[in-house]
């Protein structure tokens, strides 16, 4: 199989709330457009159902107390100390299924990494993935669980060295943070300069530390590049 498309109809059932710019339902619309264009045949083997990431997967990067808070808030109600973990009104709302959504997206990226590493696919695409702002103990920028970090860590655990290339308009700060001190992962981020855009990081001098010096590459660009 040359390409694997990781998807689940479950993606569309989650909702960040009225007025929030991230709309998971758009993923279902995109999938329907792909089908309408004839890019996937019925029962196409390239279509892979997204699994759900397990707690032990999440804990390879995220702190246990943070995962416990996400789990406690999954019903959509505010829980004590949630604000200390970046949860609440604004970018990272508490909504029903917040933790389930995050586990599903992370599971899709872990599956993508597994398919490629096992030579079951040359390319694997998680349509919902790339939630690169989540930190080890804090939600940030619409992101609760950092699926790129978990996928990369799963590959590093198998002895792989990984090149991560991020072309989002925003700096991939969570991924850089995770691998800033290692030479097992090269992170490259092309983004609008942090002088004018969230998250305010990703400058040229951020090149890594200790064994990771030189393995963090940032290309901050002027607005509207």
C-alpha atoms as a PDB file:
ATOM      1  CA  UNK A   1       0.000   0.000   0.000  1.00  0.00           C
ATOM      2  CA  UNK A   2       1.541   3.264  -1.114  1.00  0.00           C
ATOM      3  CA  UNK A   3      -0.707   5.598   0.884  1.00  0.00           C
ATOM      4  CA  UNK A   4      -2.871   5.111   3.973  1.00  0.00           C
ATOM      5  CA  UNK A   5      -5.660   7.568   4.798  1.00  0.00           C
ATOM      6  CA  UNK A   6      -6.458   7.516   8.529  1.00  0.00           C
ATOM      7  CA  UNK A   7     -10.023   8.566   9.266  1.00  0.00           C
ATOM      8  CA  UNK A   8     -13.018   8.042  11.547  1.00  0.00           C
ATOM      9  CA  UNK A   9     -16.592   9.286  11.298  1.00  0.00           C
ATOM     10  CA  UNK A  10     -16.230   9.855  15.045  1.00  0.00           C
ATOM     11  CA  UNK A  11     -14.133  12.961  14.302  1.00  0.00           C
ATOM     12  CA  UNK A  12     -17.286  14.858  13.331  1.00  0.00           C
ATOM     13  CA  UNK A  13     -19.186  14.299  16.557  1.00  0.00           C
ATOM     14  CA  UNK A  14     -16.973  16.619  18.620  1.00  0.00           C
ATOM     15  CA  UNK A  15     -17.623  20.345  18.900  1.00  0.00           C
ATOM     16  CA  UNK A  16     -15.395  23.013  20.481  1.00  0.00           C
ATOM     17  CA  UNK A  17     -18.458  25.246  20.816  1.00  0.00           C
ATOM     18  CA  UNK A  18     -20.181  28.079  18.977  1.00  0.00           C
ATOM     19  CA  UNK A  19     -17.797  30.711  17.721  1.00  0.00           C
ATOM     20  CA  UNK A  20     -14.658  28.592  18.055  1.00  0.00           C
ATOM     21  CA  UNK A  21     -12.623  28.550  14.804  1.00  0.00           C
ATOM     22  CA  UNK A  22     -11.666  24.867  14.959  1.00  0.00           C
ATOM     23  CA  UNK A  23     -14.543  22.824  13.513  1.00  0.00           C
ATOM     24  CA  UNK A  24     -13.987  19.041  13.601  1.00  0.00           C
ATOM     25  CA  UNK A  25     -17.062  18.606  11.394  1.00  0.00           C
ATOM     26  CA  UNK A  26     -15.008  19.956   8.471  1.00  0.00           C
ATOM     27  CA  UNK A  27     -13.080  16.670   8.517  1.00  0.00           C
ATOM     28  CA  UNK A  28     -16.228  14.742   7.561  1.00  0.00           C
ATOM     29  CA  UNK A  29     -16.991  17.259   4.805  1.00  0.00           C
ATOM     30  CA  UNK A  30     -13.483  16.803   3.431  1.00  0.00           C
ATOM     31  CA  UNK A  31     -13.836  13.021   3.541  1.00  0.00           C
ATOM     32  CA  UNK A  32     -17.149  13.244   1.681  1.00  0.00           C
ATOM     33  CA  UNK A  33     -15.539  15.464  -0.960  1.00  0.00           C
ATOM     34  CA  UNK A  34     -12.704  12.953  -1.385  1.00  0.00           C
ATOM     35  CA  UNK A  35     -15.282  10.216  -1.942  1.00  0.00           C
ATOM     36  CA  UNK A  36     -17.305  12.383  -4.323  1.00  0.00           C
ATOM     37  CA  UNK A  37     -14.172  12.920  -6.411  1.00  0.00           C
ATOM     38  CA  UNK A  38     -13.680   9.162  -6.658  1.00  0.00           C
ATOM     39  CA  UNK A  39     -10.357   9.159  -4.827  1.00  0.00           C
ATOM     40  CA  UNK A  40     -11.390   6.287  -2.546  1.00  0.00           C
ATOM     41  CA  UNK A  41     -13.158   3.171  -3.810  1.00  0.00           C
ATOM     42  CA  UNK A  42     -15.748   1.251  -1.725  1.00  0.00           C
ATOM     43  CA  UNK A  43     -13.979  -0.818   0.941  1.00  0.00           C
ATOM     44  CA  UNK A  44     -10.722   0.778  -0.187  1.00  0.00           C
ATOM     45  CA  UNK A  45      -7.794  -0.861   1.687  1.00  0.00           C
ATOM     46  CA  UNK A  46      -6.095   2.523   1.870  1.00  0.00           C
ATOM     47  CA  UNK A  47      -8.811   3.778   4.231  1.00  0.00           C
ATOM     48  CA  UNK A  48      -7.754   2.950   7.791  1.00  0.00           C
ATOM     49  CA  UNK A  49     -10.012   3.457  10.814  1.00  0.00           C
ATOM     50  CA  UNK A  50      -8.462   5.596  13.529  1.00  0.00           C
ATOM     51  CA  UNK A  51      -7.825   3.711  16.785  1.00  0.00           C
ATOM     52  CA  UNK A  52      -7.939   5.399  20.189  1.00  0.00           C
ATOM     53  CA  UNK A  53      -4.649   6.193  21.927  1.00  0.00           C
ATOM     54  CA  UNK A  54      -4.188   4.358  25.211  1.00  0.00           C
ATOM     55  CA  UNK A  55      -3.220   6.056  28.506  1.00  0.00           C
ATOM     56  CA  UNK A  56       0.303   4.619  28.328  1.00  0.00           C
ATOM     57  CA  UNK A  57       0.731   6.252  24.898  1.00  0.00           C
ATOM     58  CA  UNK A  58      -0.254   9.653  26.272  1.00  0.00           C
ATOM     59  CA  UNK A  59       2.102   9.345  29.222  1.00  0.00           C
ATOM     60  CA  UNK A  60       5.174   9.019  27.001  1.00  0.00           C
ATOM     61  CA  UNK A  61       5.040  12.827  26.830  1.00  0.00           C
ATOM     62  CA  UNK A  62       2.212  14.252  28.894  1.00  0.00           C
ATOM     63  CA  UNK A  63       2.257  14.513  32.694  1.00  0.00           C
ATOM     64  CA  UNK A  64      -0.068  12.178  34.569  1.00  0.00           C
ATOM     65  CA  UNK A  65      -1.729  15.003  36.537  1.00  0.00           C
ATOM     66  CA  UNK A  66      -2.540  16.764  33.248  1.00  0.00           C
ATOM     67  CA  UNK A  67      -4.050  13.608  31.749  1.00  0.00           C
ATOM     68  CA  UNK A  68      -6.112  13.167  34.926  1.00  0.00           C
ATOM     69  CA  UNK A  69      -7.511  16.694  34.547  1.00  0.00           C
ATOM     70  CA  UNK A  70      -8.411  16.098  30.881  1.00  0.00           C
ATOM     71  CA  UNK A  71     -10.145  12.874  31.830  1.00  0.00           C
ATOM     72  CA  UNK A  72     -12.060  14.542  34.668  1.00  0.00           C
ATOM     73  CA  UNK A  73     -13.231  17.379  32.396  1.00  0.00           C
ATOM     74  CA  UNK A  74     -14.305  15.094  29.538  1.00  0.00           C
ATOM     75  CA  UNK A  75     -17.961  15.475  30.503  1.00  0.00           C
ATOM     76  CA  UNK A  76     -17.804  19.139  29.530  1.00  0.00           C
ATOM     77  CA  UNK A  77     -17.904  20.602  33.026  1.00  0.00           C
ATOM     78  CA  UNK A  78     -15.193  22.746  34.622  1.00  0.00           C
ATOM     79  CA  UNK A  79     -13.180  20.920  37.273  1.00  0.00           C
ATOM     80  CA  UNK A  80     -10.982  22.356  40.008  1.00  0.00           C
ATOM     81  CA  UNK A  81      -7.560  23.595  38.850  1.00  0.00           C
ATOM     82  CA  UNK A  82      -8.417  23.163  35.161  1.00  0.00           C
ATOM     83  CA  UNK A  83      -7.344  26.734  34.482  1.00  0.00           C
ATOM     84  CA  UNK A  84      -3.827  25.976  35.707  1.00  0.00           C
ATOM     85  CA  UNK A  85      -3.571  23.474  32.855  1.00  0.00           C
ATOM     86  CA  UNK A  86      -4.683  25.924  30.165  1.00  0.00           C
ATOM     87  CA  UNK A  87      -8.314  24.795  30.083  1.00  0.00           C
ATOM     88  CA  UNK A  88     -11.271  27.163  30.074  1.00  0.00           C
ATOM     89  CA  UNK A  89     -12.867  29.940  27.999  1.00  0.00           C
ATOM     90  CA  UNK A  90     -10.986  30.951  24.859  1.00  0.00           C
ATOM     91  CA  UNK A  91      -8.654  28.831  22.764  1.00  0.00           C
ATOM     92  CA  UNK A  92      -8.944  25.645  24.828  1.00  0.00           C
ATOM     93  CA  UNK A  93     -12.550  25.282  25.941  1.00  0.00           C
ATOM     94  CA  UNK A  94     -13.845  22.442  28.073  1.00  0.00           C
ATOM     95  CA  UNK A  95     -16.425  20.635  25.933  1.00  0.00           C
ATOM     96  CA  UNK A  96     -18.118  17.219  26.086  1.00  0.00           C
ATOM     97  CA  UNK A  97     -15.766  14.566  24.731  1.00  0.00           C
ATOM     98  CA  UNK A  98     -12.683  16.798  24.861  1.00  0.00           C
ATOM     99  CA  UNK A  99     -10.481  13.969  26.126  1.00  0.00           C
ATOM    100  CA  UNK A 100     -12.065  11.389  23.809  1.00  0.00           C
ATOM    101  CA  UNK A 101     -11.447  13.673  20.814  1.00  0.00           C
ATOM    102  CA  UNK A 102      -7.820  14.112  21.792  1.00  0.00           C
ATOM    103  CA  UNK A 103      -7.278  10.362  22.235  1.00  0.00           C
ATOM    104  CA  UNK A 104      -8.833   9.656  18.834  1.00  0.00           C
ATOM    105  CA  UNK A 105      -6.636  12.180  17.021  1.00  0.00           C
ATOM    106  CA  UNK A 106      -3.535  10.903  18.824  1.00  0.00           C
ATOM    107  CA  UNK A 107      -4.459   7.310  18.002  1.00  0.00           C
ATOM    108  CA  UNK A 108      -4.668   8.180  14.316  1.00  0.00           C
ATOM    109  CA  UNK A 109      -1.160   9.673  14.295  1.00  0.00           C
ATOM    110  CA  UNK A 110       0.250   6.711  16.223  1.00  0.00           C
ATOM    111  CA  UNK A 111      -1.361   4.384  13.683  1.00  0.00           C
ATOM    112  CA  UNK A 112       0.126   6.400  10.819  1.00  0.00           C
ATOM    113  CA  UNK A 113       3.612   6.113  12.303  1.00  0.00           C
ATOM    114  CA  UNK A 114       3.148   2.392  12.876  1.00  0.00           C
ATOM    115  CA  UNK A 115       2.013   1.729   9.295  1.00  0.00           C
ATOM    116  CA  UNK A 116       5.041   3.488   7.820  1.00  0.00           C
ATOM    117  CA  UNK A 117       7.547   1.977  10.241  1.00  0.00           C
ATOM    118  CA  UNK A 118       6.223  -1.532   9.549  1.00  0.00           C
ATOM    119  CA  UNK A 119       6.439  -0.952   5.774  1.00  0.00           C
ATOM    120  CA  UNK A 120       2.683  -1.384   5.431  1.00  0.00           C
ATOM    121  CA  UNK A 121       2.471   2.048   3.780  1.00  0.00           C
ATOM    122  CA  UNK A 122       4.945   4.459   2.236  1.00  0.00           C
ATOM    123  CA  UNK A 123       2.876   7.481   3.283  1.00  0.00           C
ATOM    124  CA  UNK A 124       0.222   7.752   5.984  1.00  0.00           C
ATOM    125  CA  UNK A 125      -2.014  10.794   6.489  1.00  0.00           C
ATOM    126  CA  UNK A 126      -4.043  11.622   9.589  1.00  0.00           C
ATOM    127  CA  UNK A 127      -6.558  14.199   8.395  1.00  0.00           C
ATOM    128  CA  UNK A 128      -7.210  15.359  11.980  1.00  0.00           C
ATOM    129  CA  UNK A 129      -3.607  15.478  13.175  1.00  0.00           C
ATOM    130  CA  UNK A 130      -1.024  18.146  13.790  1.00  0.00           C
ATOM    131  CA  UNK A 131      -2.095  19.460  17.199  1.00  0.00           C
ATOM    132  CA  UNK A 132       1.410  20.744  17.761  1.00  0.00           C
ATOM    133  CA  UNK A 133       0.884  23.395  20.454  1.00  0.00           C
ATOM    134  CA  UNK A 134       0.010  21.107  23.372  1.00  0.00           C
ATOM    135  CA  UNK A 135       2.671  21.060  26.082  1.00  0.00           C
ATOM    136  CA  UNK A 136       3.475  18.281  28.501  1.00  0.00           C
ATOM    137  CA  UNK A 137       1.246  19.743  31.219  1.00  0.00           C
ATOM    138  CA  UNK A 138      -0.818  22.381  29.467  1.00  0.00           C
ATOM    139  CA  UNK A 139      -3.315  22.818  26.640  1.00  0.00           C
ATOM    140  CA  UNK A 140      -2.490  25.552  24.148  1.00  0.00           C
ATOM    141  CA  UNK A 141      -3.681  26.858  20.784  1.00  0.00           C
ATOM    142  CA  UNK A 142      -6.713  24.509  20.396  1.00  0.00           C
ATOM    143  CA  UNK A 143      -4.458  21.536  21.236  1.00  0.00           C
ATOM    144  CA  UNK A 144      -4.900  19.257  24.257  1.00  0.00           C
ATOM    145  CA  UNK A 145      -2.798  16.200  23.326  1.00  0.00           C
ATOM    146  CA  UNK A 146       0.275  16.608  21.117  1.00  0.00           C
ATOM    147  CA  UNK A 147      -0.186  13.855  18.543  1.00  0.00           C
ATOM    148  CA  UNK A 148       3.004  14.643  16.547  1.00  0.00           C
ATOM    149  CA  UNK A 149       5.105  14.275  19.706  1.00  0.00           C
ATOM    150  CA  UNK A 150       3.488  10.935  20.571  1.00  0.00           C
ATOM    151  CA  UNK A 151       3.987   9.593  17.039  1.00  0.00           C
ATOM    152  CA  UNK A 152       7.625  10.694  16.978  1.00  0.00           C
ATOM    153  CA  UNK A 153       8.284   9.243  20.423  1.00  0.00           C
ATOM    154  CA  UNK A 154       6.846   5.908  19.304  1.00  0.00           C
ATOM    155  CA  UNK A 155       9.344   5.843  16.427  1.00  0.00           C
ATOM    156  CA  UNK A 156      12.300   6.934  18.565  1.00  0.00           C
ATOM    157  CA  UNK A 157      11.448   4.133  21.012  1.00  0.00           C
ATOM    158  CA  UNK A 158      11.948   1.718  18.107  1.00  0.00           C
ATOM    159  CA  UNK A 159      15.411   3.100  17.451  1.00  0.00           C
ATOM    160  CA  UNK A 160      14.460   5.444  14.622  1.00  0.00           C
ATOM    161  CA  UNK A 161      15.755   8.930  14.012  1.00  0.00           C
ATOM    162  CA  UNK A 162      13.052  11.305  12.869  1.00  0.00           C
ATOM    163  CA  UNK A 163      12.887  14.473  10.769  1.00  0.00           C
ATOM    164  CA  UNK A 164       9.792  16.529  11.604  1.00  0.00           C
ATOM    165  CA  UNK A 165       8.827  19.287   9.151  1.00  0.00           C
ATOM    166  CA  UNK A 166       6.123  21.746  10.240  1.00  0.00           C
ATOM    167  CA  UNK A 167       4.619  24.107   7.645  1.00  0.00           C
ATOM    168  CA  UNK A 168       1.748  25.458   9.763  1.00  0.00           C
ATOM    169  CA  UNK A 169       1.508  29.257   9.879  1.00  0.00           C
ATOM    170  CA  UNK A 170       2.231  28.991  13.617  1.00  0.00           C
ATOM    171  CA  UNK A 171       5.464  27.786  15.187  1.00  0.00           C
ATOM    172  CA  UNK A 172       5.399  24.140  16.284  1.00  0.00           C
ATOM    173  CA  UNK A 173       6.370  25.041  19.818  1.00  0.00           C
ATOM    174  CA  UNK A 174       5.145  21.922  21.609  1.00  0.00           C
ATOM    175  CA  UNK A 175       7.070  19.593  19.327  1.00  0.00           C
ATOM    176  CA  UNK A 176      10.214  21.698  19.600  1.00  0.00           C
ATOM    177  CA  UNK A 177       9.904  21.649  23.391  1.00  0.00           C
ATOM    178  CA  UNK A 178       9.654  17.862  23.458  1.00  0.00           C
ATOM    179  CA  UNK A 179      12.851  17.280  21.483  1.00  0.00           C
ATOM    180  CA  UNK A 180      14.936  20.394  22.189  1.00  0.00           C
ATOM    181  CA  UNK A 181      17.633  18.395  23.971  1.00  0.00           C
ATOM    182  CA  UNK A 182      18.014  15.320  21.761  1.00  0.00           C
ATOM    183  CA  UNK A 183      19.827  14.498  18.540  1.00  0.00           C
ATOM    184  CA  UNK A 184      17.341  11.710  17.720  1.00  0.00           C
ATOM    185  CA  UNK A 185      14.826  14.177  16.282  1.00  0.00           C
ATOM    186  CA  UNK A 186      15.400  17.061  13.874  1.00  0.00           C
ATOM    187  CA  UNK A 187      12.564  19.598  14.087  1.00  0.00           C
ATOM    188  CA  UNK A 188      12.146  22.097  11.252  1.00  0.00           C
ATOM    189  CA  UNK A 189       9.420  24.743  11.477  1.00  0.00           C
ATOM    190  CA  UNK A 190       8.530  27.284   8.782  1.00  0.00           C
ATOM    191  CA  UNK A 191       6.070  29.816  10.184  1.00  0.00           C
ATOM    192  CA  UNK A 192       5.075  33.448  10.515  1.00  0.00           C
ATOM    193  CA  UNK A 193       7.421  35.213  12.891  1.00  0.00           C
ATOM    194  CA  UNK A 194       6.571  35.069  16.567  1.00  0.00           C
ATOM    195  CA  UNK A 195       6.916  38.856  16.640  1.00  0.00           C
ATOM    196  CA  UNK A 196       3.468  39.075  15.077  1.00  0.00           C
ATOM    197  CA  UNK A 197       1.746  35.712  15.578  1.00  0.00           C
ATOM    198  CA  UNK A 198       0.950  33.165  18.287  1.00  0.00           C
ATOM    199  CA  UNK A 199       2.708  31.464  20.045  1.00  0.00           C
ATOM    200  CA  UNK A 200       5.415  34.126  20.011  1.00  0.00           C
ATOM    201  CA  UNK A 201       8.314  31.699  19.620  1.00  0.00           C
ATOM    202  CA  UNK A 202      10.315  29.981  16.897  1.00  0.00           C
ATOM    203  CA  UNK A 203      13.150  32.433  16.372  1.00  0.00           C
ATOM    204  CA  UNK A 204      16.413  31.657  14.601  1.00  0.00           C
ATOM    205  CA  UNK A 205      18.404  31.429  17.809  1.00  0.00           C
ATOM    206  CA  UNK A 206      16.255  28.538  19.090  1.00  0.00           C
ATOM    207  CA  UNK A 207      18.553  25.797  17.838  1.00  0.00           C
ATOM    208  CA  UNK A 208      18.423  23.182  20.593  1.00  0.00           C
ATOM    209  CA  UNK A 209      20.433  22.486  23.706  1.00  0.00           C
ATOM    210  CA  UNK A 210      22.910  19.895  24.988  1.00  0.00           C
ATOM    211  CA  UNK A 211      22.875  16.883  22.639  1.00  0.00           C
ATOM    212  CA  UNK A 212      20.125  18.562  20.636  1.00  0.00           C
ATOM    213  CA  UNK A 213      22.076  21.665  19.698  1.00  0.00           C
ATOM    214  CA  UNK A 214      21.661  22.186  15.968  1.00  0.00           C
ATOM    215  CA  UNK A 215      18.685  19.824  15.763  1.00  0.00           C
ATOM    216  CA  UNK A 216      16.035  22.545  16.120  1.00  0.00           C
ATOM    217  CA  UNK A 217      15.652  24.659  12.985  1.00  0.00           C
ATOM    218  CA  UNK A 218      13.318  27.646  12.778  1.00  0.00           C
ATOM    219  CA  UNK A 219      12.529  29.742   9.712  1.00  0.00           C
ATOM    220  CA  UNK A 220      10.382  32.679  10.905  1.00  0.00           C
ATOM    221  CA  UNK A 221       8.865  34.556   7.956  1.00  0.00           C
ATOM    222  CA  UNK A 222       7.245  37.983   7.586  1.00  0.00           C
ATOM    223  CA  UNK A 223       3.439  38.154   7.761  1.00  0.00           C
ATOM    224  CA  UNK A 224       1.601  37.197   4.537  1.00  0.00           C
ATOM    225  CA  UNK A 225       4.621  35.381   3.103  1.00  0.00           C
END
